[in-house]
Amino acid sequence: MTIRKSSATWKGNLPEGKGGLRLGSGEYEGAYSYASRFEDGAGTNPEELIAAAHAGCFSMYLALILSKADHTPTQIDTTAKVHLGEGPKITLIELSTVGEVPGIDEKTFKEFAEQAKTGCPVSQALSAVDMKLTARLA
């Protein structure tokens, strides 16, 4: 079993406090704040990191299931948009993927993309959230 970790520190109250996020690998460390999460302030936020994790997981899983079906992709580009609504609550995740897959038609690619939407580990972990997918070939 693989275990991954990251860490966060928060100092102060919610509106004026400041925090830091660090990936366990050390590949990323950055600041976050009320303004970076709920407004357009500088820094990152948990939802942005969830979006990056989901886009990465989805792309890898889609490549896996395509390759297992002898449709090895040249490239898969995925964007994830995580909507943070009132509560606060994550209300929607929009996945948009574009694939370069030799020898496959658009309909078949979309079918594989739907399988990846429900099958990738991050999608499974976030299954309580409404997810929408758009998929097309490049």
Protein backbone atom coordinates (compact mmCIF):
# COMPACT_ATOMS: atom_id res chain seq x y z
CA MET A 1 0.00 0.00 0.00
CA THR A 2 1.27 3.46 -0.91
CA ILE A 3 0.88 6.28 1.60
CA ARG A 4 1.27 9.96 0.67
CA LYS A 5 1.25 12.91 3.01
CA SER A 6 1.15 16.68 2.95
CA SER A 7 0.92 19.21 5.74
CA ALA A 8 -0.61 22.56 6.55
CA THR A 9 -0.14 25.23 9.19
CA TRP A 10 -2.63 27.98 10.05
CA LYS A 11 -1.82 30.95 12.29
CA GLY A 12 -4.48 33.30 13.62
CA ASN A 13 -8.19 33.68 13.11
CA LEU A 14 -9.95 32.96 9.83
CA PRO A 15 -10.22 36.37 8.14
CA GLU A 16 -6.79 37.73 9.12
CA GLY A 17 -4.80 34.53 9.60
CA LYS A 18 -2.23 33.09 7.27
CA GLY A 19 -1.21 29.57 6.46
CA GLY A 20 1.22 27.42 4.58
CA LEU A 21 0.83 24.17 2.66
CA ARG A 22 3.62 21.73 1.92
CA LEU A 23 3.61 18.58 -0.14
CA GLY A 24 5.32 15.65 1.53
CA SER A 25 7.66 15.29 -1.44
CA GLY A 26 8.87 18.87 -0.95
CA GLU A 27 8.03 19.64 -4.59
CA TYR A 28 5.63 22.40 -3.58
CA GLU A 29 5.32 24.72 -0.63
CA GLY A 30 3.08 27.78 -0.68
CA ALA A 31 1.03 30.24 1.27
CA TYR A 32 -2.73 30.29 1.63
CA SER A 33 -5.11 32.71 3.30
CA TYR A 34 -8.75 33.68 3.55
CA ALA A 35 -8.22 35.94 0.51
CA SER A 36 -6.62 33.17 -1.58
CA ARG A 37 -9.44 30.79 -0.73
CA PHE A 38 -12.58 32.91 -0.77
CA GLU A 39 -11.49 35.91 -2.85
CA ASP A 40 -8.86 36.50 -5.54
CA GLY A 41 -5.87 36.93 -3.21
CA ALA A 42 -2.36 35.70 -3.86
CA GLY A 43 -1.48 32.17 -2.87
CA THR A 44 -3.08 28.79 -3.25
CA ASN A 45 -5.98 27.07 -1.50
CA PRO A 46 -7.21 23.55 -0.74
CA GLU A 47 -9.66 23.54 -3.66
CA GLU A 48 -6.93 24.40 -6.16
CA LEU A 49 -4.85 21.51 -4.84
CA ILE A 50 -7.85 19.18 -5.05
CA ALA A 51 -8.34 20.30 -8.67
CA ALA A 52 -4.69 19.54 -9.50
CA ALA A 53 -4.88 16.14 -7.82
CA HIS A 54 -8.12 15.28 -9.61
CA ALA A 55 -6.86 16.38 -13.04
CA GLY A 56 -3.66 14.38 -12.58
CA CYS A 57 -5.40 11.26 -11.32
CA PHE A 58 -8.06 11.38 -14.03
CA SER A 59 -5.47 11.77 -16.82
CA MET A 60 -3.38 8.87 -15.55
CA TYR A 61 -6.39 6.61 -15.05
CA LEU A 62 -7.76 7.43 -18.50
CA ALA A 63 -4.36 6.59 -20.01
CA LEU A 64 -4.38 3.30 -18.09
CA ILE A 65 -7.77 2.12 -19.27
CA LEU A 66 -7.17 3.29 -22.85
CA SER A 67 -3.83 1.47 -22.95
CA LYS A 68 -5.34 -1.72 -21.54
CA ALA A 69 -7.78 -1.63 -24.47
CA ASP A 70 -4.90 -1.19 -26.97
CA HIS A 71 -5.59 2.53 -27.49
CA THR A 72 -2.37 4.00 -26.07
CA PRO A 73 -2.76 7.78 -25.91
CA THR A 74 -0.13 10.18 -27.19
CA GLN A 75 -1.30 12.84 -24.74
CA ILE A 76 -4.17 13.61 -22.38
CA ASP A 77 -4.75 17.13 -21.08
CA THR A 78 -7.27 17.57 -18.28
CA THR A 79 -8.50 20.62 -16.41
CA ALA A 80 -10.51 20.34 -13.20
CA LYS A 81 -12.55 23.23 -11.81
CA VAL A 82 -13.59 22.87 -8.18
CA HIS A 83 -16.57 25.06 -7.22
CA LEU A 84 -16.64 26.25 -3.61
CA GLY A 85 -20.13 27.35 -2.64
CA GLU A 86 -21.90 28.57 0.45
CA GLY A 87 -21.35 26.75 3.68
CA PRO A 88 -18.52 26.61 2.58
CA LYS A 89 -19.02 23.43 0.58
CA ILE A 90 -17.53 21.98 -2.60
CA THR A 91 -20.61 21.88 -4.81
CA LEU A 92 -19.32 20.83 -8.23
CA ILE A 93 -16.22 19.56 -10.01
CA GLU A 94 -16.00 20.12 -13.74
CA LEU A 95 -13.53 17.91 -15.61
CA SER A 96 -12.56 18.83 -19.14
CA THR A 97 -10.25 16.52 -21.04
CA VAL A 98 -8.72 16.51 -24.50
CA GLY A 99 -7.00 13.41 -25.76
CA GLU A 100 -4.68 12.55 -28.59
CA VAL A 101 -5.40 8.87 -29.13
CA PRO A 102 -4.48 7.32 -32.48
CA GLY A 103 -7.06 4.99 -34.02
CA ILE A 104 -10.02 5.86 -31.78
CA ASP A 105 -13.22 7.73 -32.55
CA GLU A 106 -14.82 10.51 -30.49
CA LYS A 107 -17.68 8.35 -29.17
CA THR A 108 -15.33 5.65 -27.91
CA PHE A 109 -13.01 8.23 -26.32
CA LYS A 110 -15.96 9.77 -24.46
CA GLU A 111 -17.00 6.32 -23.19
CA PHE A 112 -13.50 5.73 -21.78
CA ALA A 113 -13.48 9.22 -20.27
CA GLU A 114 -16.76 8.48 -18.46
CA GLN A 115 -15.21 5.29 -17.07
CA ALA A 116 -12.23 7.32 -15.83
CA LYS A 117 -14.54 9.88 -14.22
CA THR A 118 -16.01 7.23 -11.94
CA GLY A 119 -12.98 4.94 -11.70
CA CYS A 120 -10.00 7.11 -10.84
CA PRO A 121 -9.15 7.00 -7.13
CA VAL A 122 -9.61 10.75 -6.60
CA SER A 123 -13.04 10.66 -8.30
CA GLN A 124 -13.99 7.81 -6.01
CA ALA A 125 -12.84 9.75 -2.94
CA LEU A 126 -14.83 12.79 -4.08
CA SER A 127 -17.92 10.85 -5.18
CA ALA A 128 -20.20 12.82 -2.83
CA VAL A 129 -19.64 15.87 -5.07
CA ASP A 130 -21.52 16.41 -8.34
CA MET A 131 -19.10 15.94 -11.28
CA LYS A 132 -19.49 17.00 -14.89
CA LEU A 133 -17.27 15.87 -17.72
CA THR A 134 -16.56 17.18 -21.19
CA ALA A 135 -14.28 15.03 -23.34
CA ARG A 136 -13.06 15.38 -26.89
CA LEU A 137 -10.28 14.26 -29.15
CA ALA A 138 -7.66 16.79 -30.18
